[in-house]
PDB file of N, CA and C in Angstrom:
ATOM      1  N   UNK A   1     -16.731 -32.920 -52.784  1.00  0.00           N
ATOM      2  CA  UNK A   1     -15.499 -32.256 -52.683  1.00  0.00           C
ATOM      3  C   UNK A   1     -14.698 -32.562 -53.625  1.00  0.00           C
ATOM      4  N   UNK A   2     -13.661 -33.704 -53.260  1.00  0.00           N
ATOM      5  CA  UNK A   2     -12.927 -34.399 -53.654  1.00  0.00           C
ATOM      6  C   UNK A   2     -13.381 -35.886 -54.851  1.00  0.00           C
ATOM      7  N   UNK A   3     -12.790 -35.999 -55.774  1.00  0.00           N
ATOM      8  CA  UNK A   3     -13.391 -37.347 -56.375  1.00  0.00           C
ATOM      9  C   UNK A   3     -11.863 -38.597 -56.202  1.00  0.00           C
ATOM     10  N   UNK A   4     -11.125 -38.036 -55.168  1.00  0.00           N
ATOM     11  CA  UNK A   4      -9.871 -39.134 -55.061  1.00  0.00           C
ATOM     12  C   UNK A   4      -8.827 -38.745 -56.086  1.00  0.00           C
ATOM     13  N   UNK A   5      -7.916 -39.485 -55.783  1.00  0.00           N
ATOM     14  CA  UNK A   5      -6.684 -39.414 -56.951  1.00  0.00           C
ATOM     15  C   UNK A   5      -6.563 -40.185 -57.718  1.00  0.00           C
ATOM     16  N   UNK A   6      -6.774 -39.690 -59.041  1.00  0.00           N
ATOM     17  CA  UNK A   6      -6.974 -40.413 -59.958  1.00  0.00           C
ATOM     18  C   UNK A   6      -6.168 -41.791 -60.643  1.00  0.00           C
ATOM     19  N   UNK A   7      -6.213 -42.956 -60.932  1.00  0.00           N
ATOM     20  CA  UNK A   7      -5.464 -44.029 -61.558  1.00  0.00           C
ATOM     21  C   UNK A   7      -4.407 -43.564 -62.090  1.00  0.00           C
ATOM     22  N   UNK A   8      -3.149 -44.026 -62.041  1.00  0.00           N
ATOM     23  CA  UNK A   8      -2.158 -43.653 -63.352  1.00  0.00           C
ATOM     24  C   UNK A   8      -1.568 -41.880 -63.148  1.00  0.00           C
ATOM     25  N   UNK A   9      -2.163 -41.612 -61.969  1.00  0.00           N
ATOM     26  CA  UNK A   9      -1.631 -39.868 -62.062  1.00  0.00           C
ATOM     27  C   UNK A   9      -0.260 -40.105 -61.244  1.00  0.00           C
ATOM     28  N   UNK A  10       0.974 -39.295 -61.447  1.00  0.00           N
ATOM     29  CA  UNK A  10       2.527 -39.411 -61.131  1.00  0.00           C
ATOM     30  C   UNK A  10       2.380 -39.182 -59.862  1.00  0.00           C
ATOM     31  N   UNK A  11       3.211 -39.697 -59.043  1.00  0.00           N
ATOM     32  CA  UNK A  11       3.175 -38.924 -57.557  1.00  0.00           C
ATOM     33  C   UNK A  11       3.934 -37.491 -57.736  1.00  0.00           C
ATOM     34  N   UNK A  12       3.556 -36.644 -56.916  1.00  0.00           N
ATOM     35  CA  UNK A  12       4.704 -35.589 -56.477  1.00  0.00           C
ATOM     36  C   UNK A  12       5.300 -35.499 -55.204  1.00  0.00           C
ATOM     37  N   UNK A  13       6.554 -34.518 -55.770  1.00  0.00           N
ATOM     38  CA  UNK A  13       7.395 -34.190 -54.550  1.00  0.00           C
ATOM     39  C   UNK A  13       6.843 -33.196 -53.706  1.00  0.00           C
ATOM     40  N   UNK A  14       7.275 -33.752 -52.416  1.00  0.00           N
ATOM     41  CA  UNK A  14       6.904 -33.308 -51.248  1.00  0.00           C
ATOM     42  C   UNK A  14       7.284 -31.155 -51.619  1.00  0.00           C
ATOM     43  N   UNK A  15       7.992 -30.806 -52.317  1.00  0.00           N
ATOM     44  CA  UNK A  15       8.233 -29.482 -52.558  1.00  0.00           C
ATOM     45  C   UNK A  15       7.604 -28.890 -53.691  1.00  0.00           C
ATOM     46  N   UNK A  16       6.388 -29.644 -54.078  1.00  0.00           N
ATOM     47  CA  UNK A  16       5.847 -29.455 -55.936  1.00  0.00           C
ATOM     48  C   UNK A  16       4.830 -28.387 -55.224  1.00  0.00           C
ATOM     49  N   UNK A  17       4.669 -27.264 -55.621  1.00  0.00           N
ATOM     50  CA  UNK A  17       3.385 -26.264 -55.456  1.00  0.00           C
ATOM     51  C   UNK A  17       2.354 -26.585 -55.284  1.00  0.00           C
ATOM     52  N   UNK A  18       1.351 -26.012 -54.115  1.00  0.00           N
ATOM     53  CA  UNK A  18       0.039 -26.824 -54.260  1.00  0.00           C
ATOM     54  C   UNK A  18      -1.230 -26.550 -55.031  1.00  0.00           C
ATOM     55  N   UNK A  19      -0.421 -25.669 -56.283  1.00  0.00           N
ATOM     56  CA  UNK A  19      -1.730 -25.932 -57.755  1.00  0.00           C
ATOM     57  C   UNK A  19      -1.297 -27.404 -58.475  1.00  0.00           C
ATOM     58  N   UNK A  20      -0.364 -27.826 -58.397  1.00  0.00           N
ATOM     59  CA  UNK A  20      -0.075 -29.061 -58.894  1.00  0.00           C
ATOM     60  C   UNK A  20      -1.188 -30.281 -58.423  1.00  0.00           C
ATOM     61  N   UNK A  21      -1.437 -30.273 -57.316  1.00  0.00           N
ATOM     62  CA  UNK A  21      -2.226 -31.001 -56.580  1.00  0.00           C
ATOM     63  C   UNK A  21      -4.203 -30.473 -56.778  1.00  0.00           C
ATOM     64  N   UNK A  22      -4.120 -29.380 -56.331  1.00  0.00           N
ATOM     65  CA  UNK A  22      -5.005 -28.246 -56.027  1.00  0.00           C
ATOM     66  C   UNK A  22      -5.887 -27.869 -57.391  1.00  0.00           C
ATOM     67  N   UNK A  23      -4.632 -27.456 -58.103  1.00  0.00           N
ATOM     68  CA  UNK A  23      -5.355 -26.883 -59.402  1.00  0.00           C
ATOM     69  C   UNK A  23      -5.696 -27.939 -60.319  1.00  0.00           C
ATOM     70  N   UNK A  24      -5.981 -29.024 -60.317  1.00  0.00           N
ATOM     71  CA  UNK A  24      -6.471 -30.050 -61.281  1.00  0.00           C
ATOM     72  C   UNK A  24      -8.246 -29.672 -61.088  1.00  0.00           C
ATOM     73  N   UNK A  25      -8.643 -28.985 -62.000  1.00  0.00           N
ATOM     74  CA  UNK A  25     -10.105 -29.106 -61.945  1.00  0.00           C
ATOM     75  C   UNK A  25     -10.925 -30.246 -61.591  1.00  0.00           C
ATOM     76  N   UNK A  26     -10.280 -31.636 -62.670  1.00  0.00           N
ATOM     77  CA  UNK A  26     -11.292 -32.608 -62.454  1.00  0.00           C
ATOM     78  C   UNK A  26     -10.911 -33.274 -61.370  1.00  0.00           C
ATOM     79  N   UNK A  27     -10.138 -32.783 -59.882  1.00  0.00           N
ATOM     80  CA  UNK A  27      -9.783 -33.642 -58.977  1.00  0.00           C
ATOM     81  C   UNK A  27     -10.578 -32.659 -58.102  1.00  0.00           C
ATOM     82  N   UNK A  28     -10.323 -31.456 -57.927  1.00  0.00           N
ATOM     83  CA  UNK A  28     -10.838 -30.532 -56.826  1.00  0.00           C
ATOM     84  C   UNK A  28     -11.669 -29.786 -57.563  1.00  0.00           C
ATOM     85  N   UNK A  29     -13.047 -29.380 -57.091  1.00  0.00           N
ATOM     86  CA  UNK A  29     -13.578 -28.036 -57.707  1.00  0.00           C
ATOM     87  C   UNK A  29     -13.188 -27.212 -56.554  1.00  0.00           C
ATOM     88  N   UNK A  30     -13.129 -25.772 -57.478  1.00  0.00           N
ATOM     89  CA  UNK A  30     -12.603 -24.727 -56.471  1.00  0.00           C
ATOM     90  C   UNK A  30     -11.466 -25.064 -55.634  1.00  0.00           C
ATOM     91  N   UNK A  31     -10.598 -25.691 -56.647  1.00  0.00           N
ATOM     92  CA  UNK A  31      -8.951 -25.604 -56.498  1.00  0.00           C
ATOM     93  C   UNK A  31      -8.638 -23.909 -56.367  1.00  0.00           C
ATOM     94  N   UNK A  32      -8.802 -23.318 -57.384  1.00  0.00           N
ATOM     95  CA  UNK A  32      -7.917 -21.885 -57.088  1.00  0.00           C
ATOM     96  C   UNK A  32      -8.127 -21.149 -55.609  1.00  0.00           C
ATOM     97  N   UNK A  33      -9.437 -21.313 -55.424  1.00  0.00           N
ATOM     98  CA  UNK A  33      -9.843 -21.002 -54.148  1.00  0.00           C
ATOM     99  C   UNK A  33      -9.367 -21.704 -53.082  1.00  0.00           C
ATOM    100  N   UNK A  34      -9.219 -22.680 -52.839  1.00  0.00           N
ATOM    101  CA  UNK A  34      -8.280 -23.374 -51.791  1.00  0.00           C
ATOM    102  C   UNK A  34      -7.161 -22.754 -52.100  1.00  0.00           C
ATOM    103  N   UNK A  35      -6.172 -22.898 -53.054  1.00  0.00           N
ATOM    104  CA  UNK A  35      -4.676 -22.552 -52.659  1.00  0.00           C
ATOM    105  C   UNK A  35      -4.394 -21.452 -52.484  1.00  0.00           C
ATOM    106  N   UNK A  36      -5.492 -20.272 -53.104  1.00  0.00           N
ATOM    107  CA  UNK A  36      -5.074 -18.709 -52.504  1.00  0.00           C
ATOM    108  C   UNK A  36      -5.726 -18.630 -51.088  1.00  0.00           C
ATOM    109  N   UNK A  37      -6.219 -19.574 -50.125  1.00  0.00           N
ATOM    110  CA  UNK A  37      -6.713 -19.524 -49.117  1.00  0.00           C
ATOM    111  C   UNK A  37      -5.456 -19.931 -48.274  1.00  0.00           C
ATOM    112  N   UNK A  38      -4.691 -21.120 -48.875  1.00  0.00           N
ATOM    113  CA  UNK A  38      -3.992 -21.811 -48.267  1.00  0.00           C
ATOM    114  C   UNK A  38      -2.544 -20.876 -48.306  1.00  0.00           C
ATOM    115  N   UNK A  39      -2.591 -19.999 -49.597  1.00  0.00           N
ATOM    116  CA  UNK A  39      -1.299 -19.025 -49.554  1.00  0.00           C
ATOM    117  C   UNK A  39      -1.577 -17.778 -48.570  1.00  0.00           C
ATOM    118  N   UNK A  40      -2.735 -17.775 -48.651  1.00  0.00           N
ATOM    119  CA  UNK A  40      -3.098 -16.784 -47.207  1.00  0.00           C
ATOM    120  C   UNK A  40      -2.450 -17.157 -45.821  1.00  0.00           C
ATOM    121  N   UNK A  41      -2.231 -18.259 -46.152  1.00  0.00           N
ATOM    122  CA  UNK A  41      -1.435 -18.980 -44.342  1.00  0.00           C
ATOM    123  C   UNK A  41      -0.211 -19.249 -44.840  1.00  0.00           C
ATOM    124  N   UNK A  42       0.084 -18.615 -45.642  1.00  0.00           N
ATOM    125  CA  UNK A  42       2.320 -19.119 -45.520  1.00  0.00           C
ATOM    126  C   UNK A  42       1.789 -20.489 -46.024  1.00  0.00           C
ATOM    127  N   UNK A  43       1.082 -20.860 -46.485  1.00  0.00           N
ATOM    128  CA  UNK A  43       1.345 -22.686 -47.207  1.00  0.00           C
ATOM    129  C   UNK A  43       1.631 -22.196 -48.627  1.00  0.00           C
ATOM    130  N   UNK A  44       3.054 -22.935 -49.221  1.00  0.00           N
ATOM    131  CA  UNK A  44       3.624 -23.040 -50.425  1.00  0.00           C
ATOM    132  C   UNK A  44       3.788 -24.497 -51.467  1.00  0.00           C
ATOM    133  N   UNK A  45       3.823 -25.180 -50.573  1.00  0.00           N
ATOM    134  CA  UNK A  45       4.001 -26.389 -51.019  1.00  0.00           C
ATOM    135  C   UNK A  45       3.002 -27.288 -50.300  1.00  0.00           C
ATOM    136  N   UNK A  46       3.475 -28.789 -50.861  1.00  0.00           N
ATOM    137  CA  UNK A  46       2.633 -30.150 -50.264  1.00  0.00           C
ATOM    138  C   UNK A  46       3.428 -30.262 -48.809  1.00  0.00           C
ATOM    139  N   UNK A  47       4.545 -30.268 -48.755  1.00  0.00           N
ATOM    140  CA  UNK A  47       5.203 -30.453 -47.546  1.00  0.00           C
ATOM    141  C   UNK A  47       4.837 -29.281 -46.469  1.00  0.00           C
ATOM    142  N   UNK A  48       4.252 -28.384 -46.279  1.00  0.00           N
ATOM    143  CA  UNK A  48       3.658 -27.719 -45.859  1.00  0.00           C
ATOM    144  C   UNK A  48       2.294 -27.886 -45.609  1.00  0.00           C
ATOM    145  N   UNK A  49       1.610 -27.876 -46.593  1.00  0.00           N
ATOM    146  CA  UNK A  49       0.284 -28.369 -46.547  1.00  0.00           C
ATOM    147  C   UNK A  49       0.345 -29.448 -45.410  1.00  0.00           C
ATOM    148  N   UNK A  50       0.709 -30.771 -46.092  1.00  0.00           N
ATOM    149  CA  UNK A  50       0.773 -32.346 -44.731  1.00  0.00           C
ATOM    150  C   UNK A  50       1.191 -32.076 -43.312  1.00  0.00           C
ATOM    151  N   UNK A  51       1.754 -31.164 -43.028  1.00  0.00           N
ATOM    152  CA  UNK A  51       2.136 -30.833 -41.685  1.00  0.00           C
ATOM    153  C   UNK A  51       1.203 -29.884 -40.965  1.00  0.00           C
ATOM    154  N   UNK A  52       0.285 -29.450 -41.530  1.00  0.00           N
ATOM    155  CA  UNK A  52      -1.126 -28.780 -40.718  1.00  0.00           C
ATOM    156  C   UNK A  52      -2.511 -29.736 -40.517  1.00  0.00           C
ATOM    157  N   UNK A  53      -2.328 -29.900 -39.259  1.00  0.00           N
ATOM    158  CA  UNK A  53      -3.349 -31.113 -38.258  1.00  0.00           C
ATOM    159  C   UNK A  53      -4.693 -30.876 -39.223  1.00  0.00           C
ATOM    160  N   UNK A  54      -5.627 -31.710 -39.104  1.00  0.00           N
ATOM    161  CA  UNK A  54      -6.234 -31.421 -39.601  1.00  0.00           C
ATOM    162  C   UNK A  54      -7.898 -30.489 -38.705  1.00  0.00           C
ATOM    163  N   UNK A  55      -7.394 -30.440 -37.757  1.00  0.00           N
ATOM    164  CA  UNK A  55      -8.265 -29.331 -37.230  1.00  0.00           C
ATOM    165  C   UNK A  55      -8.238 -27.825 -37.157  1.00  0.00           C
ATOM    166  N   UNK A  56      -7.304 -27.674 -37.656  1.00  0.00           N
ATOM    167  CA  UNK A  56      -6.528 -26.074 -38.040  1.00  0.00           C
ATOM    168  C   UNK A  56      -6.888 -26.188 -39.214  1.00  0.00           C
ATOM    169  N   UNK A  57      -6.567 -27.149 -40.416  1.00  0.00           N
ATOM    170  CA  UNK A  57      -7.444 -26.627 -41.430  1.00  0.00           C
ATOM    171  C   UNK A  57      -8.866 -26.537 -41.665  1.00  0.00           C
ATOM    172  N   UNK A  58      -9.645 -26.951 -40.451  1.00  0.00           N
ATOM    173  CA  UNK A  58     -10.953 -27.564 -40.435  1.00  0.00           C
ATOM    174  C   UNK A  58     -11.474 -26.012 -40.017  1.00  0.00           C
ATOM    175  N   UNK A  59     -10.204 -25.275 -38.985  1.00  0.00           N
ATOM    176  CA  UNK A  59     -10.677 -23.767 -38.505  1.00  0.00           C
ATOM    177  C   UNK A  59     -10.599 -22.885 -39.944  1.00  0.00           C
ATOM    178  N   UNK A  60      -9.418 -23.041 -40.506  1.00  0.00           N
ATOM    179  CA  UNK A  60      -8.620 -22.055 -41.490  1.00  0.00           C
ATOM    180  C   UNK A  60      -9.804 -21.946 -42.662  1.00  0.00           C
ATOM    181  N   UNK A  61     -10.283 -22.949 -43.004  1.00  0.00           N
ATOM    182  CA  UNK A  61     -11.130 -23.305 -44.143  1.00  0.00           C
ATOM    183  C   UNK A  61     -12.504 -23.300 -43.916  1.00  0.00           C
ATOM    184  N   UNK A  62     -13.342 -23.485 -42.838  1.00  0.00           N
ATOM    185  CA  UNK A  62     -14.369 -23.549 -42.275  1.00  0.00           C
ATOM    186  C   UNK A  62     -14.876 -25.008 -43.083  1.00  0.00           C
ATOM    187  N   UNK A  63     -14.514 -25.954 -42.997  1.00  0.00           N
ATOM    188  CA  UNK A  63     -14.897 -26.929 -43.219  1.00  0.00           C
ATOM    189  C   UNK A  63     -14.714 -27.820 -42.193  1.00  0.00           C
ATOM    190  N   UNK A  64     -15.640 -28.806 -42.657  1.00  0.00           N
ATOM    191  CA  UNK A  64     -15.535 -30.277 -41.714  1.00  0.00           C
ATOM    192  C   UNK A  64     -14.645 -30.817 -41.542  1.00  0.00           C
ATOM    193  N   UNK A  65     -13.829 -31.801 -40.329  1.00  0.00           N
ATOM    194  CA  UNK A  65     -13.087 -32.320 -40.123  1.00  0.00           C
ATOM    195  C   UNK A  65     -12.897 -33.418 -40.686  1.00  0.00           C
ATOM    196  N   UNK A  66     -13.791 -33.899 -41.388  1.00  0.00           N
ATOM    197  CA  UNK A  66     -13.656 -35.068 -42.216  1.00  0.00           C
ATOM    198  C   UNK A  66     -13.121 -34.441 -43.368  1.00  0.00           C
ATOM    199  N   UNK A  67     -13.904 -33.107 -43.948  1.00  0.00           N
ATOM    200  CA  UNK A  67     -13.466 -33.115 -45.099  1.00  0.00           C
ATOM    201  C   UNK A  67     -12.028 -32.296 -45.122  1.00  0.00           C
ATOM    202  N   UNK A  68     -11.158 -32.200 -44.402  1.00  0.00           N
ATOM    203  CA  UNK A  68     -10.295 -31.547 -43.834  1.00  0.00           C
ATOM    204  C   UNK A  68      -9.369 -33.016 -44.154  1.00  0.00           C
ATOM    205  N   UNK A  69      -9.334 -33.595 -43.284  1.00  0.00           N
ATOM    206  CA  UNK A  69      -8.509 -35.064 -43.214  1.00  0.00           C
ATOM    207  C   UNK A  69      -8.790 -35.869 -44.622  1.00  0.00           C
ATOM    208  N   UNK A  70      -9.925 -35.227 -45.535  1.00  0.00           N
ATOM    209  CA  UNK A  70      -9.983 -35.756 -46.839  1.00  0.00           C
ATOM    210  C   UNK A  70      -8.293 -35.304 -47.765  1.00  0.00           C
ATOM    211  N   UNK A  71      -8.677 -33.805 -47.475  1.00  0.00           N
ATOM    212  CA  UNK A  71      -7.594 -33.332 -48.278  1.00  0.00           C
ATOM    213  C   UNK A  71      -6.588 -33.360 -47.591  1.00  0.00           C
ATOM    214  N   UNK A  72      -6.177 -33.587 -47.081  1.00  0.00           N
ATOM    215  CA  UNK A  72      -4.522 -34.264 -45.887  1.00  0.00           C
ATOM    216  C   UNK A  72      -4.480 -35.148 -46.575  1.00  0.00           C
ATOM    217  N   UNK A  73      -5.420 -36.156 -46.489  1.00  0.00           N
ATOM    218  CA  UNK A  73      -5.343 -37.683 -47.151  1.00  0.00           C
ATOM    219  C   UNK A  73      -4.800 -37.658 -48.979  1.00  0.00           C
ATOM    220  N   UNK A  74      -5.418 -36.417 -49.390  1.00  0.00           N
ATOM    221  CA  UNK A  74      -5.117 -36.888 -50.780  1.00  0.00           C
ATOM    222  C   UNK A  74      -3.724 -36.226 -51.106  1.00  0.00           C
ATOM    223  N   UNK A  75      -3.817 -35.469 -50.116  1.00  0.00           N
ATOM    224  CA  UNK A  75      -2.049 -34.836 -50.683  1.00  0.00           C
ATOM    225  C   UNK A  75      -0.920 -35.746 -50.034  1.00  0.00           C
ATOM    226  N   UNK A  76      -1.181 -36.547 -48.827  1.00  0.00           N
ATOM    227  CA  UNK A  76      -0.078 -37.302 -48.521  1.00  0.00           C
ATOM    228  C   UNK A  76      -0.217 -38.957 -49.532  1.00  0.00           C
ATOM    229  N   UNK A  77      -1.166 -38.841 -50.172  1.00  0.00           N
ATOM    230  CA  UNK A  77      -1.158 -40.349 -51.096  1.00  0.00           C
ATOM    231  C   UNK A  77      -0.382 -39.995 -52.519  1.00  0.00           C
ATOM    232  N   UNK A  78      -0.303 -38.057 -52.908  1.00  0.00           N
ATOM    233  CA  UNK A  78      -0.225 -37.847 -54.202  1.00  0.00           C
ATOM    234  C   UNK A  78       1.651 -37.682 -53.756  1.00  0.00           C
ATOM    235  N   UNK A  79       1.909 -37.480 -52.426  1.00  0.00           N
ATOM    236  CA  UNK A  79       3.330 -37.429 -52.093  1.00  0.00           C
ATOM    237  C   UNK A  79       4.027 -38.714 -51.945  1.00  0.00           C
ATOM    238  N   UNK A  80       3.088 -39.770 -51.437  1.00  0.00           N
ATOM    239  CA  UNK A  80       3.583 -41.106 -50.748  1.00  0.00           C
ATOM    240  C   UNK A  80       4.508 -41.743 -52.161  1.00  0.00           C
ATOM    241  N   UNK A  81       5.497 -42.491 -51.516  1.00  0.00           N
ATOM    242  CA  UNK A  81       6.124 -43.212 -52.259  1.00  0.00           C
ATOM    243  C   UNK A  81       5.448 -44.785 -52.847  1.00  0.00           C
ATOM    244  N   UNK A  82       5.685 -45.177 -53.952  1.00  0.00           N
ATOM    245  CA  UNK A  82       5.024 -46.202 -54.250  1.00  0.00           C
ATOM    246  C   UNK A  82       5.135 -47.222 -53.468  1.00  0.00           C
ATOM    247  N   UNK A  83       4.352 -48.060 -53.154  1.00  0.00           N
ATOM    248  CA  UNK A  83       4.191 -49.649 -52.515  1.00  0.00           C
ATOM    249  C   UNK A  83       5.368 -50.481 -53.337  1.00  0.00           C
ATOM    250  N   UNK A  84       5.859 -51.351 -52.420  1.00  0.00           N
ATOM    251  CA  UNK A  84       6.971 -52.054 -53.009  1.00  0.00           C
ATOM    252  C   UNK A  84       7.241 -53.403 -51.922  1.00  0.00           C
ATOM    253  N   UNK A  85       6.942 -54.495 -52.287  1.00  0.00           N
ATOM    254  CA  UNK A  85       7.291 -55.787 -51.353  1.00  0.00           C
ATOM    255  C   UNK A  85       8.709 -56.266 -51.086  1.00  0.00           C
ATOM    256  N   UNK A  86       9.193 -56.902 -50.135  1.00  0.00           N
ATOM    257  CA  UNK A  86      10.658 -57.314 -50.490  1.00  0.00           C
ATOM    258  C   UNK A  86      10.183 -59.039 -51.952  1.00  0.00           C
ATOM    259  N   UNK A  87       9.460 -59.045 -51.924  1.00  0.00           N
ATOM    260  CA  UNK A  87       9.262 -60.072 -53.255  1.00  0.00           C
ATOM    261  C   UNK A  87       9.864 -59.440 -54.404  1.00  0.00           C
ATOM    262  N   UNK A  88       9.251 -57.977 -54.317  1.00  0.00           N
ATOM    263  CA  UNK A  88       9.836 -57.268 -55.920  1.00  0.00           C
ATOM    264  C   UNK A  88      10.825 -56.542 -55.308  1.00  0.00           C
ATOM    265  N   UNK A  89      11.798 -56.559 -54.490  1.00  0.00           N
ATOM    266  CA  UNK A  89      12.816 -56.388 -54.475  1.00  0.00           C
ATOM    267  C   UNK A  89      13.679 -57.466 -54.771  1.00  0.00           C
ATOM    268  N   UNK A  90      13.689 -58.438 -54.202  1.00  0.00           N
ATOM    269  CA  UNK A  90      14.534 -59.626 -54.478  1.00  0.00           C
ATOM    270  C   UNK A  90      14.651 -59.758 -55.719  1.00  0.00           C
ATOM    271  N   UNK A  91      13.352 -59.636 -56.580  1.00  0.00           N
ATOM    272  CA  UNK A  91      12.893 -59.779 -58.247  1.00  0.00           C
ATOM    273  C   UNK A  91      13.745 -58.866 -59.156  1.00  0.00           C
ATOM    274  N   UNK A  92      13.883 -57.828 -58.596  1.00  0.00           N
ATOM    275  CA  UNK A  92      14.348 -56.761 -59.260  1.00  0.00           C
ATOM    276  C   UNK A  92      16.346 -57.085 -58.844  1.00  0.00           C
ATOM    277  N   UNK A  93      16.581 -57.589 -57.843  1.00  0.00           N
ATOM    278  CA  UNK A  93      17.886 -57.582 -57.904  1.00  0.00           C
ATOM    279  C   UNK A  93      18.846 -59.403 -58.466  1.00  0.00           C
ATOM    280  N   UNK A  94      17.497 -59.880 -58.484  1.00  0.00           N
ATOM    281  CA  UNK A  94      18.048 -61.148 -59.248  1.00  0.00           C
ATOM    282  C   UNK A  94      18.152 -60.632 -61.028  1.00  0.00           C
ATOM    283  N   UNK A  95      16.969 -59.960 -61.547  1.00  0.00           N
ATOM    284  CA  UNK A  95      17.385 -59.501 -62.917  1.00  0.00           C
ATOM    285  C   UNK A  95      18.138 -58.698 -63.107  1.00  0.00           C
ATOM    286  N   UNK A  96      18.893 -58.049 -61.868  1.00  0.00           N
ATOM    287  CA  UNK A  96      20.686 -57.099 -62.390  1.00  0.00           C
ATOM    288  C   UNK A  96      21.571 -58.311 -62.596  1.00  0.00           C
ATOM    289  N   UNK A  97      21.721 -58.920 -61.437  1.00  0.00           N
ATOM    290  CA  UNK A  97      22.493 -60.177 -61.251  1.00  0.00           C
ATOM    291  C   UNK A  97      22.422 -60.796 -62.767  1.00  0.00           C
ATOM    292  N   UNK A  98      21.689 -61.559 -63.079  1.00  0.00           N
ATOM    293  CA  UNK A  98      21.216 -62.094 -64.126  1.00  0.00           C
ATOM    294  C   UNK A  98      22.061 -61.205 -65.661  1.00  0.00           C
ATOM    295  N   UNK A  99      21.459 -60.027 -66.031  1.00  0.00           N
ATOM    296  CA  UNK A  99      21.798 -59.300 -66.504  1.00  0.00           C
ATOM    297  C   UNK A  99      23.173 -58.844 -66.675  1.00  0.00           C
ATOM    298  N   UNK A 100      24.247 -58.886 -64.996  1.00  0.00           N
ATOM    299  CA  UNK A 100      25.315 -58.404 -65.057  1.00  0.00           C
ATOM    300  C   UNK A 100      25.846 -59.799 -65.776  1.00  0.00           C
ATOM    301  N   UNK A 101      25.404 -61.094 -65.229  1.00  0.00           N
ATOM    302  CA  UNK A 101      26.510 -62.246 -65.239  1.00  0.00           C
ATOM    303  C   UNK A 101      26.747 -62.146 -67.012  1.00  0.00           C
ATOM    304  N   UNK A 102      26.176 -61.542 -67.843  1.00  0.00           N
ATOM    305  CA  UNK A 102      25.986 -61.604 -69.498  1.00  0.00           C
ATOM    306  C   UNK A 102      27.493 -61.236 -69.371  1.00  0.00           C
ATOM    307  N   UNK A 103      27.754 -60.413 -68.918  1.00  0.00           N
ATOM    308  CA  UNK A 103      28.863 -59.488 -69.497  1.00  0.00           C
ATOM    309  C   UNK A 103      29.883 -60.409 -68.727  1.00  0.00           C
ATOM    310  N   UNK A 104      30.392 -61.398 -68.045  1.00  0.00           N
ATOM    311  CA  UNK A 104      31.348 -62.494 -67.472  1.00  0.00           C
ATOM    312  C   UNK A 104      31.582 -63.344 -68.703  1.00  0.00           C
TER     313      UNK A 104
END
């Protein structure tokens, strides 16, 4: 059903409409039908969608629980903040301090 989140795809906000994730034909076959089915359940954005438990999504869409979990995982991955380590934060703050010292 899904081919996974393509590399380089930008992250979506939680308020993004469902079409931004599931309307992509390369990502999800039948995305329009999926969006219509979710809208019938009064889900309008990704924030609403990720709050649905997989077993409920399974019953609504008549799919396996594994497929429901895969859909939810895709939505969580699309809205997740990028992973950043303490090392990256320290390197960024040192760069800012070095640039700031140039002015003094």
